[in-house]
């Protein structure tokens, strides 16, 4: 007979016993600090996800034009990984024609991506080695890319070959110029580059690109409410497929305050976070003070929400780099915005530093299957993390265990282990998993109930003072 055994257990009767353990390839990974950003740029890969770690320079891939600052703000907010997606359609790549030593056209260098980013090229002999030449491409006055190739007969072809490994540029020979010598040029400008157009369909396409990845938060580079509605529809849709993410949006201070609040309230969605008073002065890591508003502040919050551990709250979190709040709200406005409209509001602490007044999302009226915990960013993060971890662990067992008592006990045990871990991580108070009593297992299907008590932060402290007139103790 066969049966299960517990690791370290010695059976009395002879037989075959089995134990199911989680292999190394199923090691639990807590997704934290991953933010997807959709933006416009004047260079870089188009309509594809480029994964950037926080320490990497996005400028080397996309430059710093147009709305690439959304990436900067997400990283400033704490994003460890940015899923960067430059969106748009059309546009044209910039080009420059190189002449040979006789002044005739010999080769054309083209950007691999469309955009009007200003480039120039220099072709020169390498200072330390006269047998080699350098092709240096500049962005403004900064060196953007350099390739070396052997000088002499056939150097035009060698330049083409050298640029084949470039992710940013390529070269094409003019007919009959395979053996030509290239003329020396100094910062010859590229011409003809134009930026892609951006429509609502391009944002939708960007969402599709992001859908192939897992992320905690997502933001866009626009204050257009129609695009925000598309984003809300996207996070709702991917939720149904098991991708658990929150979106962050904001509009500029020039949009009427009541309109902004009504836009926030209309979402009524635990996956949508709306920053109400987003107009700030910010001191960047580069030492430059700048004004930010709308999508920039939303990107900052997206980085913060994505990065904060689910056992912590952003309520009353100070943002030190916000040096001045340029749209201050009254107490009455803040109470209304938070209670009735589901807005994230910035206020001042007693040291006059800018902080998040209350870390809430736009859910105002929970549905029948939701409690009020879904209104809070911390608890949504905790619940999404729990669901992501359990879903991954259980999905790894699909088709690998029998639908019998032992197999279902394995599922329950796996869920209980995750619950225990999250209790130890101060993310849950308790978790209890069991087979469903309402839906008995049959054929290849099994149902389970998971009862969870998650944690919250102490955010409202009430002090009652009692004084007496008599001075005697």
Protein backbone atom coordinates (compact mmCIF):
# COMPACT_ATOMS: atom_id res chain seq x y z
CA UNK A 1 0.00 0.00 0.00
CA UNK A 2 1.06 3.57 -0.59
CA UNK A 3 0.52 6.62 1.50
CA UNK A 4 1.92 9.98 2.41
CA UNK A 5 4.65 10.68 4.91
CA UNK A 6 5.88 13.68 6.82
CA UNK A 7 9.55 14.57 6.38
CA UNK A 8 11.54 12.82 9.11
CA UNK A 9 8.76 10.31 9.83
CA UNK A 10 9.49 6.54 9.92
CA UNK A 11 6.58 4.26 8.97
CA UNK A 12 5.78 1.01 10.81
CA UNK A 13 4.49 -0.95 7.85
CA UNK A 14 6.50 -1.72 4.70
CA UNK A 15 5.33 0.05 1.57
CA UNK A 16 5.76 3.05 -0.69
CA UNK A 17 5.13 6.48 0.78
CA UNK A 18 5.19 9.85 -0.91
CA UNK A 19 5.61 13.46 0.10
CA UNK A 20 5.04 16.55 -2.00
CA UNK A 21 7.42 19.46 -1.53
CA UNK A 22 7.87 22.75 -3.33
CA UNK A 23 10.90 22.55 -5.62
CA UNK A 24 13.45 25.32 -6.01
CA UNK A 25 11.83 26.44 -9.24
CA UNK A 26 8.65 27.16 -7.28
CA UNK A 27 10.37 29.35 -4.71
CA UNK A 28 8.03 32.08 -3.59
CA UNK A 29 8.78 35.48 -5.03
CA UNK A 30 7.10 38.55 -3.59
CA UNK A 31 6.44 41.02 -6.38
CA UNK A 32 7.32 44.46 -5.06
CA UNK A 33 8.39 47.74 -6.60
CA UNK A 34 7.46 47.04 -10.23
CA UNK A 35 5.79 49.97 -11.99
CA UNK A 36 4.64 50.11 -15.61
CA UNK A 37 4.91 53.54 -17.26
CA UNK A 38 3.40 54.56 -20.61
CA UNK A 39 5.00 57.70 -22.04
CA UNK A 40 6.06 59.64 -25.13
CA UNK A 41 9.67 60.19 -26.17
CA UNK A 42 11.67 61.59 -29.08
CA UNK A 43 13.70 58.38 -29.42
CA UNK A 44 13.81 54.74 -28.34
CA UNK A 45 12.00 51.46 -29.00
CA UNK A 46 8.35 52.01 -29.83
CA UNK A 47 5.37 50.01 -28.55
CA UNK A 48 7.44 47.48 -26.68
CA UNK A 49 8.28 46.99 -23.01
CA UNK A 50 11.82 47.86 -21.97
CA UNK A 51 12.59 46.64 -18.47
CA UNK A 52 14.74 49.16 -16.59
CA UNK A 53 16.21 48.68 -13.14
CA UNK A 54 16.22 51.72 -10.85
CA UNK A 55 19.97 52.24 -11.24
CA UNK A 56 19.89 52.19 -15.04
CA UNK A 57 19.76 55.38 -17.08
CA UNK A 58 16.53 55.62 -19.03
CA UNK A 59 18.04 58.57 -20.90
CA UNK A 60 20.47 56.22 -22.65
CA UNK A 61 17.50 54.37 -24.13
CA UNK A 62 14.81 57.02 -24.56
CA UNK A 63 16.54 60.34 -23.99
CA UNK A 64 14.96 62.90 -21.68
CA UNK A 65 12.51 64.60 -24.01
CA UNK A 66 8.70 64.83 -24.00
CA UNK A 67 7.18 62.87 -21.08
CA UNK A 68 10.06 60.57 -20.18
CA UNK A 69 10.09 62.39 -16.83
CA UNK A 70 7.28 60.01 -15.81
CA UNK A 71 9.97 57.33 -15.56
CA UNK A 72 12.10 59.63 -13.44
CA UNK A 73 9.24 60.27 -11.03
CA UNK A 74 8.37 56.58 -10.69
CA UNK A 75 11.98 55.83 -9.76
CA UNK A 76 12.06 58.81 -7.37
CA UNK A 77 8.99 57.28 -5.73
CA UNK A 78 10.85 54.04 -5.09
CA UNK A 79 10.18 51.83 -8.11
CA UNK A 80 12.85 49.13 -8.27
CA UNK A 81 11.89 48.07 -11.78
CA UNK A 82 10.18 50.18 -14.43
CA UNK A 83 8.39 48.52 -17.33
CA UNK A 84 8.86 51.39 -19.77
CA UNK A 85 6.65 51.54 -22.86
CA UNK A 86 7.09 54.36 -25.35
CA UNK A 87 3.80 54.68 -27.21
CA UNK A 88 2.81 56.10 -30.57
CA UNK A 89 2.40 55.36 -34.25
CA UNK A 90 4.14 56.58 -37.38
CA UNK A 91 6.97 59.08 -37.26
CA UNK A 92 10.26 58.86 -39.14
CA UNK A 93 13.82 57.98 -38.16
CA UNK A 94 16.54 60.61 -38.54
CA UNK A 95 19.30 60.04 -41.13
CA UNK A 96 22.66 61.43 -42.15
CA UNK A 97 24.57 60.87 -45.41
CA UNK A 98 28.34 60.33 -45.29
CA UNK A 99 30.58 61.19 -48.22
CA UNK A 100 33.67 59.38 -49.38
CA UNK A 101 37.11 60.95 -49.80
CA UNK A 102 36.09 62.16 -53.28
CA UNK A 103 33.04 64.03 -51.97
CA UNK A 104 30.51 61.52 -53.29
CA UNK A 105 27.74 59.97 -51.22
CA UNK A 106 29.01 56.67 -49.77
CA UNK A 107 26.76 55.58 -46.89
CA UNK A 108 23.66 56.56 -44.92
CA UNK A 109 23.39 56.16 -41.15
CA UNK A 110 19.79 55.90 -39.93
CA UNK A 111 18.30 55.81 -36.45
CA UNK A 112 16.54 52.52 -35.76
CA UNK A 113 13.68 54.32 -34.03
CA UNK A 114 11.48 57.23 -35.15
CA UNK A 115 11.79 60.59 -33.41
CA UNK A 116 13.08 64.14 -33.76
CA UNK A 117 15.84 63.77 -31.20
CA UNK A 118 18.84 65.79 -32.40
CA UNK A 119 21.81 63.64 -33.36
CA UNK A 120 25.08 64.39 -35.10
CA UNK A 121 27.96 62.19 -36.23
CA UNK A 122 31.73 62.49 -36.40
CA UNK A 123 33.98 60.22 -38.44
CA UNK A 124 37.64 60.53 -37.49
CA UNK A 125 40.90 58.68 -37.14
CA UNK A 126 41.38 57.14 -33.71
CA UNK A 127 43.90 59.25 -31.85
CA UNK A 128 45.71 56.30 -30.29
CA UNK A 129 45.67 54.04 -33.37
CA UNK A 130 46.00 55.37 -36.90
CA UNK A 131 44.88 52.01 -38.33
CA UNK A 132 41.37 52.46 -36.95
CA UNK A 133 38.60 55.01 -37.27
CA UNK A 134 35.79 56.04 -34.94
CA UNK A 135 32.14 56.74 -35.64
CA UNK A 136 30.88 58.88 -32.77
CA UNK A 137 27.21 59.81 -32.58
CA UNK A 138 26.27 62.73 -30.34
CA UNK A 139 23.02 63.77 -28.72
CA UNK A 140 23.47 67.50 -28.41
CA UNK A 141 26.99 67.87 -27.05
CA UNK A 142 26.99 64.51 -25.24
CA UNK A 143 28.45 61.36 -26.74
CA UNK A 144 25.56 58.94 -27.33
CA UNK A 145 27.27 55.98 -29.01
CA UNK A 146 30.68 55.10 -30.41
CA UNK A 147 31.79 52.38 -32.82
CA UNK A 148 35.29 51.58 -34.08
CA UNK A 149 36.23 50.03 -37.42
CA UNK A 150 39.37 49.32 -39.41
CA UNK A 151 40.45 52.14 -41.71
CA UNK A 152 41.63 51.80 -45.29
CA UNK A 153 40.10 50.03 -48.26
CA UNK A 154 36.57 48.80 -47.60
CA UNK A 155 36.08 50.96 -44.51
CA UNK A 156 32.57 51.93 -45.61
CA UNK A 157 31.54 48.27 -45.45
CA UNK A 158 33.33 47.94 -42.13
CA UNK A 159 31.32 50.84 -40.73
CA UNK A 160 28.09 49.13 -41.83
CA UNK A 161 29.23 45.93 -40.13
CA UNK A 162 30.21 47.77 -36.94
CA UNK A 163 26.74 49.33 -36.65
CA UNK A 164 24.97 45.99 -37.04
CA UNK A 165 25.44 45.43 -33.29
CA UNK A 166 23.95 48.81 -32.40
CA UNK A 167 20.46 48.89 -30.91
CA UNK A 168 20.03 52.52 -31.96
CA UNK A 169 21.54 52.99 -35.44
CA UNK A 170 22.21 51.14 -38.69
CA UNK A 171 24.05 52.01 -41.90
CA UNK A 172 23.49 51.29 -45.59
CA UNK A 173 25.99 51.56 -48.43
CA UNK A 174 25.42 53.52 -51.56
CA UNK A 175 25.76 51.44 -54.71
CA UNK A 176 29.36 50.77 -55.71
CA UNK A 177 30.86 52.24 -52.54
CA UNK A 178 31.91 49.00 -50.82
CA UNK A 179 35.60 49.86 -51.02
CA UNK A 180 35.38 53.63 -50.59
CA UNK A 181 37.29 55.63 -48.00
CA UNK A 182 35.13 57.79 -45.77
CA UNK A 183 35.67 61.52 -45.51
CA UNK A 184 36.37 62.97 -42.08
CA UNK A 185 33.34 64.84 -40.68
CA UNK A 186 32.76 66.66 -37.40
CA UNK A 187 29.30 66.53 -35.81
CA UNK A 188 27.37 66.37 -39.05
CA UNK A 189 23.68 66.67 -38.05
CA UNK A 190 21.03 64.03 -38.71
CA UNK A 191 17.89 65.28 -40.46
CA UNK A 192 14.35 64.16 -41.23
CA UNK A 193 13.41 62.63 -37.89
CA UNK A 194 9.84 63.08 -36.66
CA UNK A 195 7.97 61.90 -33.59
CA UNK A 196 5.14 59.38 -33.72
CA UNK A 197 1.59 60.52 -33.25
CA UNK A 198 -0.20 59.39 -30.10
CA UNK A 199 -3.90 58.49 -29.98
CA UNK A 200 -6.13 56.69 -27.54
CA UNK A 201 -5.53 53.51 -29.53
CA UNK A 202 -1.81 53.82 -28.82
CA UNK A 203 -2.45 53.84 -25.08
CA UNK A 204 -4.61 50.75 -25.52
CA UNK A 205 -1.78 49.13 -27.45
CA UNK A 206 0.61 50.05 -24.64
CA UNK A 207 -1.68 48.36 -22.14
CA UNK A 208 -1.59 45.21 -24.26
CA UNK A 209 2.22 45.30 -24.19
CA UNK A 210 2.20 45.66 -20.40
CA UNK A 211 -0.25 42.79 -19.99
CA UNK A 212 2.46 40.26 -20.79
CA UNK A 213 4.27 41.27 -17.58
CA UNK A 214 3.53 41.36 -13.87
CA UNK A 215 3.62 44.68 -12.06
CA UNK A 216 2.30 46.31 -8.89
CA UNK A 217 1.32 49.69 -10.29
CA UNK A 218 0.81 51.40 -13.63
CA UNK A 219 0.61 55.05 -14.71
CA UNK A 220 0.31 57.07 -17.91
CA UNK A 221 1.82 60.35 -19.09
CA UNK A 222 -1.42 62.23 -19.58
CA UNK A 223 -4.10 64.06 -17.63
CA UNK A 224 -6.74 63.17 -20.24
CA UNK A 225 -9.72 61.72 -18.36
CA UNK A 226 -10.71 59.59 -21.34
CA UNK A 227 -7.33 57.85 -21.21
CA UNK A 228 -7.77 57.42 -17.46
CA UNK A 229 -11.06 55.64 -18.15
CA UNK A 230 -9.27 53.32 -20.59
CA UNK A 231 -6.70 52.62 -17.87
CA UNK A 232 -9.44 51.80 -15.37
CA UNK A 233 -11.02 49.39 -17.85
CA UNK A 234 -7.61 47.79 -18.38
CA UNK A 235 -6.86 47.13 -14.69
CA UNK A 236 -10.37 45.76 -14.27
CA UNK A 237 -9.90 43.43 -17.22
CA UNK A 238 -6.50 42.08 -16.21
CA UNK A 239 -7.81 41.53 -12.68
CA UNK A 240 -10.16 38.95 -14.16
CA UNK A 241 -7.16 37.13 -15.64
CA UNK A 242 -5.18 37.09 -12.39
CA UNK A 243 -2.98 40.16 -12.92
CA UNK A 244 -3.33 42.20 -9.75
CA UNK A 245 -2.28 45.82 -10.18
CA UNK A 246 -3.24 49.31 -9.10
CA UNK A 247 -3.28 52.39 -11.34
CA UNK A 248 -2.50 55.98 -10.33
CA UNK A 249 -3.76 59.06 -12.17
CA UNK A 250 -3.96 62.81 -11.62
CA UNK A 251 -5.09 65.92 -13.45
CA UNK A 252 -3.49 69.35 -13.49
CA UNK A 253 -4.43 72.07 -11.01
CA UNK A 254 -5.83 74.07 -13.93
CA UNK A 255 -8.75 71.63 -14.12
CA UNK A 256 -11.58 72.74 -11.86
CA UNK A 257 -11.29 71.19 -8.39
CA UNK A 258 -14.88 69.95 -8.38
CA UNK A 259 -14.40 68.36 -11.80
CA UNK A 260 -11.32 66.55 -10.55
CA UNK A 261 -13.15 65.26 -7.50
CA UNK A 262 -16.07 64.06 -9.58
CA UNK A 263 -13.72 62.24 -11.95
CA UNK A 264 -12.16 60.47 -8.96
CA UNK A 265 -15.51 59.51 -7.46
CA UNK A 266 -16.75 58.15 -10.78
CA UNK A 267 -14.06 55.44 -10.70
CA UNK A 268 -15.33 53.96 -7.41
CA UNK A 269 -12.64 51.35 -7.87
CA UNK A 270 -10.16 49.84 -5.41
CA UNK A 271 -7.66 49.49 -8.26
CA UNK A 272 -7.74 53.20 -9.19
CA UNK A 273 -5.88 55.82 -7.15
CA UNK A 274 -6.52 59.50 -7.85
CA UNK A 275 -4.14 62.27 -6.69
CA UNK A 276 -6.19 65.43 -6.18
CA UNK A 277 -3.79 68.31 -5.48
CA UNK A 278 -0.80 67.24 -7.54
CA UNK A 279 0.83 70.65 -8.12
CA UNK A 280 4.20 70.68 -6.30
CA UNK A 281 7.66 72.16 -6.20
CA UNK A 282 10.16 69.35 -6.20
CA UNK A 283 13.88 69.15 -5.53
CA UNK A 284 15.22 66.35 -7.70
CA UNK A 285 18.20 64.10 -7.03
CA UNK A 286 20.01 66.11 -9.68
CA UNK A 287 19.78 69.16 -7.39
CA UNK A 288 17.36 70.93 -9.73
CA UNK A 289 14.14 72.45 -8.38
CA UNK A 290 11.17 72.07 -10.69
CA UNK A 291 7.39 72.29 -10.70
CA UNK A 292 5.50 69.08 -11.27
CA UNK A 293 1.80 68.48 -11.70
CA UNK A 294 -0.68 65.98 -13.06
CA UNK A 295 0.88 62.85 -14.56
CA UNK A 296 4.29 63.57 -13.00
CA UNK A 297 2.95 63.46 -9.45
CA UNK A 298 0.82 60.43 -10.32
CA UNK A 299 3.98 58.65 -11.50
CA UNK A 300 5.69 59.54 -8.21
CA UNK A 301 2.80 57.99 -6.26
CA UNK A 302 2.77 54.95 -8.55
CA UNK A 303 6.40 54.33 -7.63
CA UNK A 304 5.64 54.78 -3.94
CA UNK A 305 2.58 52.53 -3.90
CA UNK A 306 4.35 49.86 -5.90
CA UNK A 307 7.42 49.85 -3.68
CA UNK A 308 6.03 50.08 -0.16
CA UNK A 309 5.82 46.69 1.61
CA UNK A 310 2.28 45.52 2.24
CA UNK A 311 2.83 45.62 6.00
CA UNK A 312 3.20 49.41 5.89
CA UNK A 313 0.91 52.34 5.14
CA UNK A 314 1.56 55.49 3.14
CA UNK A 315 -0.76 57.50 5.37
CA UNK A 316 1.23 60.45 6.79
CA UNK A 317 4.29 59.50 4.74
CA UNK A 318 6.42 62.61 4.24
CA UNK A 319 7.78 63.27 0.75
CA UNK A 320 10.95 65.17 1.54
CA UNK A 321 11.69 66.19 -2.05
CA UNK A 322 8.35 68.02 -2.28
CA UNK A 323 9.56 71.41 -1.09
CA UNK A 324 6.31 73.32 -1.57
CA UNK A 325 2.67 72.39 -2.03
CA UNK A 326 1.35 74.78 -4.69
CA UNK A 327 -2.34 73.91 -4.27
CA UNK A 328 -3.34 73.92 -0.62
CA UNK A 329 -6.78 72.66 0.38
CA UNK A 330 -8.89 73.66 3.36
CA UNK A 331 -9.85 71.14 6.03
CA UNK A 332 -13.40 71.08 4.68
CA UNK A 333 -12.16 70.40 1.14
CA UNK A 334 -9.90 67.60 2.35
CA UNK A 335 -12.64 65.91 4.37
CA UNK A 336 -15.00 66.02 1.40
CA UNK A 337 -12.33 64.81 -1.04
CA UNK A 338 -11.41 61.84 1.13
CA UNK A 339 -14.79 60.82 2.50
CA UNK A 340 -17.03 61.46 -0.48
CA UNK A 341 -14.70 61.36 -3.51
CA UNK A 342 -11.99 58.82 -2.70
CA UNK A 343 -9.05 61.14 -3.43
CA UNK A 344 -5.44 61.00 -2.29
CA UNK A 345 -4.81 64.44 -0.77
CA UNK A 346 -1.55 66.09 0.19
CA UNK A 347 -1.38 68.18 3.35
CA UNK A 348 1.23 69.55 5.75
CA UNK A 349 2.47 67.98 8.95
CA UNK A 350 3.34 70.08 11.99
CA UNK A 351 6.82 70.75 10.55
CA UNK A 352 5.17 72.07 7.37
CA UNK A 353 6.45 69.17 5.32
CA UNK A 354 4.29 67.69 2.58
CA UNK A 355 2.79 64.30 3.35
CA UNK A 356 0.03 62.01 2.17
CA UNK A 357 -2.99 62.80 4.31
CA UNK A 358 -4.71 59.44 3.90
CA UNK A 359 -3.63 56.50 1.72
CA UNK A 360 -6.98 55.63 0.17
CA UNK A 361 -8.19 54.70 -3.30
CA UNK A 362 -11.30 55.77 -5.20
CA UNK A 363 -13.57 53.03 -3.84
CA UNK A 364 -16.41 54.83 -2.08
CA UNK A 365 -19.28 52.35 -2.21
CA UNK A 366 -18.07 48.75 -1.92
CA UNK A 367 -19.91 46.09 -3.88
CA UNK A 368 -21.75 43.24 -2.19
CA UNK A 369 -18.63 41.07 -2.06
CA UNK A 370 -16.35 43.80 -0.68
CA UNK A 371 -15.75 45.19 2.79
CA UNK A 372 -14.41 48.63 3.65
CA UNK A 373 -10.87 47.29 3.75
CA UNK A 374 -10.82 47.52 -0.04
CA UNK A 375 -10.87 51.32 0.30
CA UNK A 376 -7.35 51.43 1.72
CA UNK A 377 -4.16 51.17 -0.32
CA UNK A 378 -2.33 49.11 2.32
CA UNK A 379 -5.04 46.49 2.53
CA UNK A 380 -5.44 46.26 -1.24
CA UNK A 381 -1.67 45.70 -1.48
CA UNK A 382 -1.83 43.03 1.22
CA UNK A 383 -4.77 41.26 -0.39
CA UNK A 384 -3.26 41.40 -3.85
CA UNK A 385 0.03 40.03 -2.52
CA UNK A 386 -1.76 37.22 -0.69
CA UNK A 387 -3.78 36.30 -3.77
CA UNK A 388 -0.70 36.46 -6.02
CA UNK A 389 1.33 34.21 -3.71
CA UNK A 390 -1.43 31.67 -3.20
CA UNK A 391 -2.43 31.64 -6.86
CA UNK A 392 1.17 30.97 -7.93
CA UNK A 393 1.71 28.22 -5.36
CA UNK A 394 -1.54 26.40 -6.12
CA UNK A 395 -1.23 26.83 -9.87
CA UNK A 396 2.11 25.00 -9.71
CA UNK A 397 0.23 21.91 -8.48
CA UNK A 398 -2.38 21.80 -11.25
CA UNK A 399 -2.27 18.38 -12.90
CA UNK A 400 0.42 17.13 -10.51
CA UNK A 401 -1.68 15.82 -7.61
CA UNK A 402 -4.76 13.63 -7.39
CA UNK A 403 -8.17 15.03 -6.61
CA UNK A 404 -8.49 12.96 -3.45
CA UNK A 405 -8.27 13.64 0.26
CA UNK A 406 -4.49 13.66 0.26
CA UNK A 407 -4.26 15.92 -2.79
CA UNK A 408 -6.74 18.42 -1.41
CA UNK A 409 -4.95 18.39 1.94
CA UNK A 410 -1.79 19.33 0.07
CA UNK A 411 -3.57 22.37 -1.38
CA UNK A 412 -4.87 23.40 2.05
CA UNK A 413 -1.42 22.92 3.56
CA UNK A 414 0.24 25.03 0.88
CA UNK A 415 -2.25 27.86 1.44
CA UNK A 416 -1.86 27.62 5.21
CA UNK A 417 1.93 27.87 4.88
CA UNK A 418 1.63 31.10 2.90
CA UNK A 419 -0.81 32.48 5.45
CA UNK A 420 1.59 31.61 8.27
CA UNK A 421 4.43 33.36 6.45
CA UNK A 422 2.38 36.51 5.98
CA UNK A 423 1.35 36.50 9.63
CA UNK A 424 5.04 36.33 10.56
CA UNK A 425 5.69 39.19 8.11
CA UNK A 426 3.08 41.32 9.97
CA UNK A 427 0.86 41.44 6.90
CA UNK A 428 -2.01 39.31 8.25
CA UNK A 429 -3.56 38.62 11.62
CA UNK A 430 -4.82 35.17 10.64
CA UNK A 431 -5.61 32.89 7.72
CA UNK A 432 -7.60 29.66 7.72
CA UNK A 433 -7.98 27.47 4.62
CA UNK A 434 -10.30 24.50 4.20
CA UNK A 435 -12.16 22.47 1.63
CA UNK A 436 -15.47 24.01 0.67
CA UNK A 437 -18.49 22.50 2.40
CA UNK A 438 -20.88 24.13 -0.06
CA UNK A 439 -19.24 22.71 -3.19
CA UNK A 440 -17.89 19.16 -2.76
CA UNK A 441 -14.95 18.12 -4.94
CA UNK A 442 -15.80 16.01 -7.97
CA UNK A 443 -13.99 14.64 -11.05
CA UNK A 444 -11.15 17.12 -11.70
CA UNK A 445 -12.52 20.11 -9.76
CA UNK A 446 -12.08 21.10 -6.14
CA UNK A 447 -13.24 24.15 -4.20
CA UNK A 448 -11.58 25.76 -1.19
CA UNK A 449 -12.47 28.47 1.28
CA UNK A 450 -9.83 30.90 2.54
CA UNK A 451 -10.80 33.05 5.51
CA UNK A 452 -8.45 35.98 6.02
CA UNK A 453 -8.06 38.64 8.68
CA UNK A 454 -5.59 41.16 7.32
CA UNK A 455 -3.92 43.98 9.21
CA UNK A 456 -4.39 47.71 9.21
CA UNK A 457 -2.32 50.61 10.48
CA UNK A 458 -3.31 52.71 13.47
CA UNK A 459 -4.39 55.91 11.73
CA UNK A 460 -6.94 57.46 14.06
CA UNK A 461 -6.06 57.94 17.72
CA UNK A 462 -8.66 59.38 20.09
CA UNK A 463 -7.53 60.83 23.44
CA UNK A 464 -10.03 61.60 26.19
CA UNK A 465 -8.77 63.96 28.89
CA UNK A 466 -10.51 64.27 32.27
CA UNK A 467 -9.59 67.20 34.53
CA UNK A 468 -10.68 67.95 38.08
CA UNK A 469 -11.09 71.32 39.72
CA UNK A 470 -9.64 70.30 43.07
CA UNK A 471 -5.87 70.35 43.25
CA UNK A 472 -5.78 67.49 45.80
CA UNK A 473 -4.79 64.08 44.52
